[in-house]
Amino acid sequence: MRRPLSSYHPWLYWLRVQQRRFFRQISWRLGSRNYTNRLIPEQRLEYRFIKHTSKLIRKLGNSDIALQHNKVINLKLATAATSGIVIAPGEYFSFCRLVGKPTEKRGFVEGMELSYGEARQGIGGGICQLSNLIHWMAIHSPLVVVERANHSFDPFPDEGRILPFGSGAAIFYNYIDLVLHNPTQDTFQLIFNVAEHQLEGELLCDKPREVKYHVYQQAHRFVRQGDRVWRQNEIWRDISTKGQEPVILQSECLYRNNVVVKYHVDTQRLNTDLSSA
């Protein structure tokens, strides 16, 4: 079983990170994938596949609210690097390749990031909110999620959660990436805007959407195993016909999540299916 990077001694961890980043750079330059880099923010494709928004400032346990405000700065930089990106037939979209490495020199500031098994502050923290939004829109489309990682732990109790737990996409430059592939004959475009209170996203297409997508969770529960509590659920997707009486064409389980919980869980919630909660 592959060891998680957080299990290494700090200097070995640093070396391992540099190694994996080096190999990712080689694969970007010499690999066979055709990655898109065409930003056309002034031109919008005609048809909207899905629109989604997420709240910018959220209460996350006892974390410093200043990190949430810093996150907005980081999101503005990340959206500037991705908004308007066009994914043509056969092309790949890489979040890390487009956004680049978050550094102070580029204007990124300290926000909240999840690493070493805990929530901590780090340069560029918070841009996962954008990758989460992109991933959510992608699974409501024919785009294929080629690479996607989920956090290995749940740091905070839910506070105004809208999307199912475990439906996001973690980012850690550059080897923990969100990569999409367009296997269709249609062209797609991602548009973003950091508004006053919301991060706004749209997935556009040059053809109208012919089916409906419904993404939901099943078997959501908290389970105690030894001295730890784990949060589990399944993310499912139904693809159906449009119209007043839709017919499900395909139903599939996209992900099964099983992560360590870092906060106290009421015993009444243990081993209880919370999917409809």
C-alpha atoms as a PDB file:
ATOM      1  CA  MET A   1       0.000   0.000   0.000  1.00  0.00           C
ATOM      2  CA  ARG A   2       1.380   3.427  -0.957  1.00  0.00           C
ATOM      3  CA  ARG A   3       2.305   5.595   2.026  1.00  0.00           C
ATOM      4  CA  PRO A   4       0.663   9.035   2.220  1.00  0.00           C
ATOM      5  CA  LEU A   5       3.125  11.896   1.834  1.00  0.00           C
ATOM      6  CA  SER A   6       2.237  13.245   5.281  1.00  0.00           C
ATOM      7  CA  SER A   7       3.763  10.100   6.850  1.00  0.00           C
ATOM      8  CA  TYR A   8       7.300  11.032   5.748  1.00  0.00           C
ATOM      9  CA  HIS A   9       9.882  12.892   7.861  1.00  0.00           C
ATOM     10  CA  PRO A  10       9.669  16.627   6.972  1.00  0.00           C
ATOM     11  CA  TRP A  11      12.793  16.715   4.812  1.00  0.00           C
ATOM     12  CA  LEU A  12      11.936  13.411   3.140  1.00  0.00           C
ATOM     13  CA  TYR A  13       8.447  14.795   2.573  1.00  0.00           C
ATOM     14  CA  TRP A  14       9.934  17.866   0.863  1.00  0.00           C
ATOM     15  CA  LEU A  15      12.111  15.686  -1.373  1.00  0.00           C
ATOM     16  CA  ARG A  16       9.167  13.468  -2.252  1.00  0.00           C
ATOM     17  CA  VAL A  17       7.059  16.508  -3.167  1.00  0.00           C
ATOM     18  CA  GLN A  18       9.823  17.888  -5.407  1.00  0.00           C
ATOM     19  CA  GLN A  19      10.202  14.500  -7.089  1.00  0.00           C
ATOM     20  CA  ARG A  20       6.512  14.202  -7.850  1.00  0.00           C
ATOM     21  CA  ARG A  21       6.356  17.776  -9.095  1.00  0.00           C
ATOM     22  CA  PHE A  22       9.315  17.106 -11.408  1.00  0.00           C
ATOM     23  CA  PHE A  23       7.681  14.033 -12.905  1.00  0.00           C
ATOM     24  CA  ARG A  24       4.436  15.961 -13.432  1.00  0.00           C
ATOM     25  CA  GLN A  25       6.317  18.672 -15.332  1.00  0.00           C
ATOM     26  CA  ILE A  26       7.908  15.986 -17.531  1.00  0.00           C
ATOM     27  CA  SER A  27       4.518  14.425 -18.253  1.00  0.00           C
ATOM     28  CA  TRP A  28       3.082  17.836 -19.180  1.00  0.00           C
ATOM     29  CA  ARG A  29       5.895  18.505 -21.645  1.00  0.00           C
ATOM     30  CA  LEU A  30       6.476  15.064 -23.118  1.00  0.00           C
ATOM     31  CA  GLY A  31       3.172  13.262 -22.616  1.00  0.00           C
ATOM     32  CA  SER A  32       0.648  12.528 -25.342  1.00  0.00           C
ATOM     33  CA  ARG A  33      -2.215  14.539 -23.828  1.00  0.00           C
ATOM     34  CA  ASN A  34      -3.255  17.703 -25.607  1.00  0.00           C
ATOM     35  CA  TYR A  35      -3.874  20.201 -22.795  1.00  0.00           C
ATOM     36  CA  THR A  36      -5.950  23.279 -23.486  1.00  0.00           C
ATOM     37  CA  ASN A  37      -4.584  26.736 -22.732  1.00  0.00           C
ATOM     38  CA  ARG A  38      -6.952  28.867 -24.812  1.00  0.00           C
ATOM     39  CA  LEU A  39      -8.633  31.551 -22.723  1.00  0.00           C
ATOM     40  CA  ILE A  40     -11.411  33.411 -24.557  1.00  0.00           C
ATOM     41  CA  PRO A  41     -13.237  35.270 -21.752  1.00  0.00           C
ATOM     42  CA  GLU A  42     -14.705  37.884 -24.107  1.00  0.00           C
ATOM     43  CA  GLN A  43     -16.538  35.223 -26.135  1.00  0.00           C
ATOM     44  CA  ARG A  44     -19.158  32.920 -24.655  1.00  0.00           C
ATOM     45  CA  LEU A  45     -20.393  29.700 -26.184  1.00  0.00           C
ATOM     46  CA  GLU A  46     -24.100  29.742 -26.918  1.00  0.00           C
ATOM     47  CA  TYR A  47     -25.598  27.075 -24.645  1.00  0.00           C
ATOM     48  CA  ARG A  48     -25.369  26.730 -20.868  1.00  0.00           C
ATOM     49  CA  PHE A  49     -24.908  23.218 -19.492  1.00  0.00           C
ATOM     50  CA  ILE A  50     -24.973  24.162 -15.817  1.00  0.00           C
ATOM     51  CA  LYS A  51     -24.517  27.180 -13.565  1.00  0.00           C
ATOM     52  CA  HIS A  52     -23.418  26.896  -9.943  1.00  0.00           C
ATOM     53  CA  THR A  53     -22.460  29.277  -7.138  1.00  0.00           C
ATOM     54  CA  SER A  54     -20.774  28.786  -3.776  1.00  0.00           C
ATOM     55  CA  LYS A  55     -20.588  31.085  -0.775  1.00  0.00           C
ATOM     56  CA  LEU A  56     -17.250  32.849  -0.391  1.00  0.00           C
ATOM     57  CA  ILE A  57     -17.096  33.431   3.365  1.00  0.00           C
ATOM     58  CA  ARG A  58     -18.114  30.466   5.520  1.00  0.00           C
ATOM     59  CA  LYS A  59     -17.767  29.687   9.193  1.00  0.00           C
ATOM     60  CA  LEU A  60     -15.408  26.706   9.507  1.00  0.00           C
ATOM     61  CA  GLY A  61     -15.152  25.625  13.139  1.00  0.00           C
ATOM     62  CA  ASN A  62     -12.891  27.968  15.107  1.00  0.00           C
ATOM     63  CA  SER A  63     -10.659  28.843  12.175  1.00  0.00           C
ATOM     64  CA  ASP A  64      -9.417  32.400  11.626  1.00  0.00           C
ATOM     65  CA  ILE A  65     -11.999  34.264   9.532  1.00  0.00           C
ATOM     66  CA  ALA A  66      -9.157  36.365   8.050  1.00  0.00           C
ATOM     67  CA  LEU A  67      -8.055  33.285   6.109  1.00  0.00           C
ATOM     68  CA  GLN A  68     -11.483  33.213   4.483  1.00  0.00           C
ATOM     69  CA  HIS A  69     -11.054  36.799   3.285  1.00  0.00           C
ATOM     70  CA  ASN A  70      -7.551  35.987   2.036  1.00  0.00           C
ATOM     71  CA  LYS A  71      -9.065  33.081   0.127  1.00  0.00           C
ATOM     72  CA  VAL A  72     -11.058  35.577  -1.952  1.00  0.00           C
ATOM     73  CA  ILE A  73      -7.782  37.182  -3.112  1.00  0.00           C
ATOM     74  CA  ASN A  74      -6.457  33.767  -4.136  1.00  0.00           C
ATOM     75  CA  LEU A  75      -9.683  32.884  -5.927  1.00  0.00           C
ATOM     76  CA  LYS A  76      -9.541  36.069  -7.998  1.00  0.00           C
ATOM     77  CA  LEU A  77      -6.075  35.099  -9.216  1.00  0.00           C
ATOM     78  CA  ALA A  78      -7.121  31.502  -9.917  1.00  0.00           C
ATOM     79  CA  THR A  79     -10.264  32.504 -11.808  1.00  0.00           C
ATOM     80  CA  ALA A  80      -8.288  35.007 -13.888  1.00  0.00           C
ATOM     81  CA  ALA A  81      -6.122  32.075 -15.038  1.00  0.00           C
ATOM     82  CA  THR A  82      -9.063  29.819 -15.912  1.00  0.00           C
ATOM     83  CA  SER A  83     -12.170  31.849 -16.794  1.00  0.00           C
ATOM     84  CA  GLY A  84     -12.979  31.596 -20.473  1.00  0.00           C
ATOM     85  CA  ILE A  85     -10.964  28.413 -21.007  1.00  0.00           C
ATOM     86  CA  VAL A  86     -12.190  26.388 -23.967  1.00  0.00           C
ATOM     87  CA  ILE A  87     -12.013  22.575 -23.988  1.00  0.00           C
ATOM     88  CA  ALA A  88     -12.249  21.396 -27.583  1.00  0.00           C
ATOM     89  CA  PRO A  89     -12.970  17.798 -28.657  1.00  0.00           C
ATOM     90  CA  GLY A  90     -10.175  15.489 -27.506  1.00  0.00           C
ATOM     91  CA  GLU A  91      -8.533  18.112 -25.286  1.00  0.00           C
ATOM     92  CA  TYR A  92      -7.623  17.863 -21.604  1.00  0.00           C
ATOM     93  CA  PHE A  93      -8.131  20.461 -18.878  1.00  0.00           C
ATOM     94  CA  SER A  94      -5.589  20.604 -16.022  1.00  0.00           C
ATOM     95  CA  PHE A  95      -6.354  22.900 -13.096  1.00  0.00           C
ATOM     96  CA  CYS A  96      -2.746  23.033 -11.848  1.00  0.00           C
ATOM     97  CA  ARG A  97      -1.297  23.568 -15.302  1.00  0.00           C
ATOM     98  CA  LEU A  98      -3.516  26.588 -15.910  1.00  0.00           C
ATOM     99  CA  VAL A  99      -3.397  28.192 -12.449  1.00  0.00           C
ATOM    100  CA  GLY A 100       0.302  27.510 -11.899  1.00  0.00           C
ATOM    101  CA  LYS A 101       2.128  27.395  -8.591  1.00  0.00           C
ATOM    102  CA  PRO A 102       0.633  29.760  -5.991  1.00  0.00           C
ATOM    103  CA  THR A 103       3.453  31.993  -4.746  1.00  0.00           C
ATOM    104  CA  GLU A 104       3.745  35.303  -2.909  1.00  0.00           C
ATOM    105  CA  LYS A 105       5.546  36.756  -5.918  1.00  0.00           C
ATOM    106  CA  ARG A 106       2.441  36.130  -8.031  1.00  0.00           C
ATOM    107  CA  GLY A 107       0.201  37.808  -5.442  1.00  0.00           C
ATOM    108  CA  PHE A 108      -1.158  34.757  -3.621  1.00  0.00           C
ATOM    109  CA  VAL A 109      -1.612  35.116   0.129  1.00  0.00           C
ATOM    110  CA  GLU A 110      -2.068  32.776   3.076  1.00  0.00           C
ATOM    111  CA  GLY A 111      -5.426  31.059   3.157  1.00  0.00           C
ATOM    112  CA  MET A 112      -6.675  27.830   4.654  1.00  0.00           C
ATOM    113  CA  GLU A 113      -5.447  24.548   3.232  1.00  0.00           C
ATOM    114  CA  LEU A 114      -5.904  20.960   4.347  1.00  0.00           C
ATOM    115  CA  SER A 115      -2.614  19.092   4.694  1.00  0.00           C
ATOM    116  CA  TYR A 116      -0.657  16.953   7.169  1.00  0.00           C
ATOM    117  CA  GLY A 117      -4.016  15.681   8.397  1.00  0.00           C
ATOM    118  CA  GLU A 118      -5.209  19.075   9.610  1.00  0.00           C
ATOM    119  CA  ALA A 119      -6.464  22.485   8.530  1.00  0.00           C
ATOM    120  CA  ARG A 120      -3.577  24.962   8.384  1.00  0.00           C
ATOM    121  CA  GLN A 121      -2.637  28.174   6.615  1.00  0.00           C
ATOM    122  CA  GLY A 122      -0.597  28.209   3.449  1.00  0.00           C
ATOM    123  CA  ILE A 123       0.119  30.369   0.413  1.00  0.00           C
ATOM    124  CA  GLY A 124      -2.713  29.976  -2.080  1.00  0.00           C
ATOM    125  CA  GLY A 125      -4.999  28.313   0.440  1.00  0.00           C
ATOM    126  CA  GLY A 126      -8.663  28.274  -0.524  1.00  0.00           C
ATOM    127  CA  ILE A 127      -8.385  27.785  -4.281  1.00  0.00           C
ATOM    128  CA  CYS A 128      -9.861  24.319  -3.786  1.00  0.00           C
ATOM    129  CA  GLN A 129     -13.208  26.121  -3.740  1.00  0.00           C
ATOM    130  CA  LEU A 130     -12.716  26.753  -7.451  1.00  0.00           C
ATOM    131  CA  SER A 131     -11.632  23.177  -8.208  1.00  0.00           C
ATOM    132  CA  ASN A 132     -14.652  21.935  -6.225  1.00  0.00           C
ATOM    133  CA  LEU A 133     -16.970  24.074  -8.338  1.00  0.00           C
ATOM    134  CA  ILE A 134     -15.344  22.923 -11.593  1.00  0.00           C
ATOM    135  CA  HIS A 135     -15.614  19.289 -10.573  1.00  0.00           C
ATOM    136  CA  TRP A 136     -19.283  19.660  -9.615  1.00  0.00           C
ATOM    137  CA  MET A 137     -20.122  21.162 -13.004  1.00  0.00           C
ATOM    138  CA  ALA A 138     -18.019  18.567 -14.845  1.00  0.00           C
ATOM    139  CA  ILE A 139     -19.950  15.635 -13.370  1.00  0.00           C
ATOM    140  CA  HIS A 140     -23.106  17.282 -14.713  1.00  0.00           C
ATOM    141  CA  SER A 141     -21.749  16.951 -18.244  1.00  0.00           C
ATOM    142  CA  PRO A 142     -20.155  14.465 -20.667  1.00  0.00           C
ATOM    143  CA  LEU A 143     -16.678  15.643 -19.613  1.00  0.00           C
ATOM    144  CA  VAL A 144     -14.687  12.776 -18.087  1.00  0.00           C
ATOM    145  CA  VAL A 145     -12.909  13.273 -14.758  1.00  0.00           C
ATOM    146  CA  VAL A 146      -9.493  11.717 -15.449  1.00  0.00           C
ATOM    147  CA  GLU A 147      -7.787  12.810 -12.223  1.00  0.00           C
ATOM    148  CA  ARG A 148      -9.422  13.876  -8.999  1.00  0.00           C
ATOM    149  CA  ALA A 149      -8.495  13.502  -5.322  1.00  0.00           C
ATOM    150  CA  ASN A 150     -10.538  13.903  -2.178  1.00  0.00           C
ATOM    151  CA  HIS A 151      -9.232  14.962   1.223  1.00  0.00           C
ATOM    152  CA  SER A 152      -8.466  12.047   3.552  1.00  0.00           C
ATOM    153  CA  PHE A 153     -10.147  13.687   6.546  1.00  0.00           C
ATOM    154  CA  ASP A 154     -13.178  15.800   7.461  1.00  0.00           C
ATOM    155  CA  PRO A 155     -11.933  18.802   9.488  1.00  0.00           C
ATOM    156  CA  PHE A 156     -15.119  20.712  10.337  1.00  0.00           C
ATOM    157  CA  PRO A 157     -18.796  20.032  11.047  1.00  0.00           C
ATOM    158  CA  ASP A 158     -21.138  20.985   8.227  1.00  0.00           C
ATOM    159  CA  GLU A 159     -22.110  24.650   8.227  1.00  0.00           C
ATOM    160  CA  GLY A 160     -24.575  25.478   5.466  1.00  0.00           C
ATOM    161  CA  ARG A 161     -23.420  22.626   3.241  1.00  0.00           C
ATOM    162  CA  ILE A 162     -25.147  22.590  -0.151  1.00  0.00           C
ATOM    163  CA  LEU A 163     -23.286  19.912  -2.100  1.00  0.00           C
ATOM    164  CA  PRO A 164     -22.982  16.310  -0.899  1.00  0.00           C
ATOM    165  CA  PHE A 165     -19.991  15.579   1.313  1.00  0.00           C
ATOM    166  CA  GLY A 166     -17.016  14.230  -0.633  1.00  0.00           C
ATOM    167  CA  SER A 167     -18.057  15.625  -4.010  1.00  0.00           C
ATOM    168  CA  GLY A 168     -15.183  18.097  -4.266  1.00  0.00           C
ATOM    169  CA  ALA A 169     -11.684  17.981  -5.739  1.00  0.00           C
ATOM    170  CA  ALA A 170      -8.553  18.615  -3.670  1.00  0.00           C
ATOM    171  CA  ILE A 171      -5.596  20.482  -5.197  1.00  0.00           C
ATOM    172  CA  PHE A 172      -1.931  20.527  -4.202  1.00  0.00           C
ATOM    173  CA  TYR A 173       0.386  21.904  -6.864  1.00  0.00           C
ATOM    174  CA  ASN A 174       1.070  20.196  -9.087  1.00  0.00           C
ATOM    175  CA  TYR A 175       0.643  16.472  -8.668  1.00  0.00           C
ATOM    176  CA  ILE A 176      -2.706  16.465  -6.856  1.00  0.00           C
ATOM    177  CA  ASP A 177      -4.630  17.862  -9.780  1.00  0.00           C
ATOM    178  CA  LEU A 178      -8.089  18.053 -11.304  1.00  0.00           C
ATOM    179  CA  VAL A 179      -7.877  16.830 -14.884  1.00  0.00           C
ATOM    180  CA  LEU A 180     -10.840  16.638 -17.274  1.00  0.00           C
ATOM    181  CA  HIS A 181     -11.067  15.148 -20.746  1.00  0.00           C
ATOM    182  CA  ASN A 182     -13.502  16.034 -23.510  1.00  0.00           C
ATOM    183  CA  PRO A 183     -14.269  12.776 -25.377  1.00  0.00           C
ATOM    184  CA  THR A 184     -17.147  14.309 -27.346  1.00  0.00           C
ATOM    185  CA  GLN A 185     -17.383  16.161 -30.664  1.00  0.00           C
ATOM    186  CA  ASP A 186     -18.652  19.258 -28.831  1.00  0.00           C
ATOM    187  CA  THR A 187     -16.703  22.215 -27.449  1.00  0.00           C
ATOM    188  CA  PHE A 188     -17.061  23.306 -23.806  1.00  0.00           C
ATOM    189  CA  GLN A 189     -16.132  26.497 -21.990  1.00  0.00           C
ATOM    190  CA  LEU A 190     -15.724  27.398 -18.306  1.00  0.00           C
ATOM    191  CA  ILE A 191     -16.646  30.903 -17.107  1.00  0.00           C
ATOM    192  CA  PHE A 192     -16.077  32.209 -13.556  1.00  0.00           C
ATOM    193  CA  ASN A 193     -16.732  35.342 -11.575  1.00  0.00           C
ATOM    194  CA  VAL A 194     -15.829  36.274  -7.987  1.00  0.00           C
ATOM    195  CA  ALA A 195     -18.841  38.327  -6.954  1.00  0.00           C
ATOM    196  CA  GLU A 196     -19.357  40.158  -3.663  1.00  0.00           C
ATOM    197  CA  HIS A 197     -20.591  37.128  -1.742  1.00  0.00           C
ATOM    198  CA  GLN A 198     -20.442  34.213  -4.177  1.00  0.00           C
ATOM    199  CA  LEU A 199     -18.057  32.371  -6.448  1.00  0.00           C
ATOM    200  CA  GLU A 200     -20.002  31.962  -9.693  1.00  0.00           C
ATOM    201  CA  GLY A 201     -19.352  29.370 -12.366  1.00  0.00           C
ATOM    202  CA  GLU A 202     -20.859  28.336 -15.698  1.00  0.00           C
ATOM    203  CA  LEU A 203     -20.160  25.417 -18.002  1.00  0.00           C
ATOM    204  CA  LEU A 204     -21.081  26.381 -21.565  1.00  0.00           C
ATOM    205  CA  CYS A 205     -21.249  24.347 -24.776  1.00  0.00           C
ATOM    206  CA  ASP A 206     -21.622  24.945 -28.506  1.00  0.00           C
ATOM    207  CA  LYS A 207     -24.498  22.433 -28.611  1.00  0.00           C
ATOM    208  CA  PRO A 208     -27.667  22.273 -26.475  1.00  0.00           C
ATOM    209  CA  ARG A 209     -27.809  19.728 -23.651  1.00  0.00           C
ATOM    210  CA  GLU A 210     -29.809  16.666 -24.662  1.00  0.00           C
ATOM    211  CA  VAL A 211     -30.034  14.878 -21.286  1.00  0.00           C
ATOM    212  CA  LYS A 212     -30.445  15.728 -17.597  1.00  0.00           C
ATOM    213  CA  TYR A 213     -27.898  15.038 -14.857  1.00  0.00           C
ATOM    214  CA  HIS A 214     -28.712  14.449 -11.202  1.00  0.00           C
ATOM    215  CA  VAL A 215     -25.896  13.987  -8.670  1.00  0.00           C
ATOM    216  CA  TYR A 216     -26.731  12.882  -5.124  1.00  0.00           C
ATOM    217  CA  GLN A 217     -25.415  10.922  -2.156  1.00  0.00           C
ATOM    218  CA  GLN A 218     -26.333   7.530  -0.744  1.00  0.00           C
ATOM    219  CA  ALA A 219     -25.365   5.602   2.409  1.00  0.00           C
ATOM    220  CA  HIS A 220     -24.192   8.697   4.291  1.00  0.00           C
ATOM    221  CA  ARG A 221     -23.203   7.810   7.853  1.00  0.00           C
ATOM    222  CA  PHE A 222     -20.697   8.270  10.657  1.00  0.00           C
ATOM    223  CA  VAL A 223     -19.103   5.013  11.832  1.00  0.00           C
ATOM    224  CA  ARG A 224     -16.899   4.437  14.876  1.00  0.00           C
ATOM    225  CA  GLN A 225     -13.979   2.071  14.367  1.00  0.00           C
ATOM    226  CA  GLY A 226     -11.816   1.748  17.446  1.00  0.00           C
ATOM    227  CA  ASP A 227     -10.957   5.200  18.762  1.00  0.00           C
ATOM    228  CA  ARG A 228     -11.739   6.938  15.453  1.00  0.00           C
ATOM    229  CA  VAL A 229     -14.918   8.086  13.755  1.00  0.00           C
ATOM    230  CA  TRP A 230     -15.151   7.788   9.967  1.00  0.00           C
ATOM    231  CA  ARG A 231     -17.507   9.610   7.625  1.00  0.00           C
ATOM    232  CA  GLN A 232     -18.771   7.506   4.750  1.00  0.00           C
ATOM    233  CA  ASN A 233     -20.999   8.064   1.755  1.00  0.00           C
ATOM    234  CA  GLU A 234     -21.417   7.310  -1.931  1.00  0.00           C
ATOM    235  CA  ILE A 235     -21.769   9.870  -4.721  1.00  0.00           C
ATOM    236  CA  TRP A 236     -24.178   8.740  -7.441  1.00  0.00           C
ATOM    237  CA  ARG A 237     -25.160  10.194 -10.800  1.00  0.00           C
ATOM    238  CA  ASP A 238     -28.311   9.608 -12.826  1.00  0.00           C
ATOM    239  CA  ILE A 239     -28.435  10.578 -16.503  1.00  0.00           C
ATOM    240  CA  SER A 240     -31.977  10.809 -17.840  1.00  0.00           C
ATOM    241  CA  THR A 241     -34.005  12.071 -20.752  1.00  0.00           C
ATOM    242  CA  LYS A 242     -35.417  15.581 -20.679  1.00  0.00           C
ATOM    243  CA  GLY A 243     -39.129  16.262 -20.486  1.00  0.00           C
ATOM    244  CA  GLN A 244     -42.022  16.006 -18.052  1.00  0.00           C
ATOM    245  CA  GLU A 245     -41.602  12.245 -17.596  1.00  0.00           C
ATOM    246  CA  PRO A 246     -37.838  11.646 -17.695  1.00  0.00           C
ATOM    247  CA  VAL A 247     -36.453   8.152 -18.159  1.00  0.00           C
ATOM    248  CA  ILE A 248     -33.179   7.237 -16.453  1.00  0.00           C
ATOM    249  CA  LEU A 249     -30.686   6.170 -19.093  1.00  0.00           C
ATOM    250  CA  GLN A 250     -27.756   5.497 -16.772  1.00  0.00           C
ATOM    251  CA  SER A 251     -27.227   5.329 -13.016  1.00  0.00           C
ATOM    252  CA  GLU A 252     -23.699   5.003 -11.644  1.00  0.00           C
ATOM    253  CA  CYS A 253     -21.709   5.333  -8.436  1.00  0.00           C
ATOM    254  CA  LEU A 254     -18.966   7.882  -9.038  1.00  0.00           C
ATOM    255  CA  TYR A 255     -17.163   7.773  -5.680  1.00  0.00           C
ATOM    256  CA  ARG A 256     -17.160   5.983  -2.350  1.00  0.00           C
ATOM    257  CA  ASN A 257     -15.807   8.131   0.478  1.00  0.00           C
ATOM    258  CA  ASN A 258     -14.395   6.942   3.799  1.00  0.00           C
ATOM    259  CA  VAL A 259     -12.475   9.627   5.719  1.00  0.00           C
ATOM    260  CA  VAL A 260     -11.417  10.305   9.308  1.00  0.00           C
ATOM    261  CA  VAL A 261     -13.526  12.838  11.231  1.00  0.00           C
ATOM    262  CA  LYS A 262     -11.560  15.469  13.173  1.00  0.00           C
ATOM    263  CA  TYR A 263     -14.430  16.836  15.302  1.00  0.00           C
ATOM    264  CA  HIS A 264     -16.879  15.489  17.869  1.00  0.00           C
ATOM    265  CA  VAL A 265     -19.845  13.596  16.440  1.00  0.00           C
ATOM    266  CA  ASP A 266     -23.080  13.157  18.387  1.00  0.00           C
ATOM    267  CA  THR A 267     -23.506   9.468  19.227  1.00  0.00           C
ATOM    268  CA  GLN A 268     -27.066   9.616  17.861  1.00  0.00           C
ATOM    269  CA  ARG A 269     -25.584  10.180  14.386  1.00  0.00           C
ATOM    270  CA  LEU A 270     -23.308   7.149  14.492  1.00  0.00           C
ATOM    271  CA  ASN A 271     -24.172   4.257  12.138  1.00  0.00           C
ATOM    272  CA  THR A 272     -27.316   6.065  10.957  1.00  0.00           C
ATOM    273  CA  ASP A 273     -28.009   6.661   7.279  1.00  0.00           C
ATOM    274  CA  LEU A 274     -28.068  10.467   6.872  1.00  0.00           C
ATOM    275  CA  SER A 275     -28.409  10.598   3.094  1.00  0.00           C
ATOM    276  CA  SER A 276     -31.665  12.512   3.192  1.00  0.00           C
ATOM    277  CA  ALA A 277     -30.651  14.762   6.099  1.00  0.00           C
END
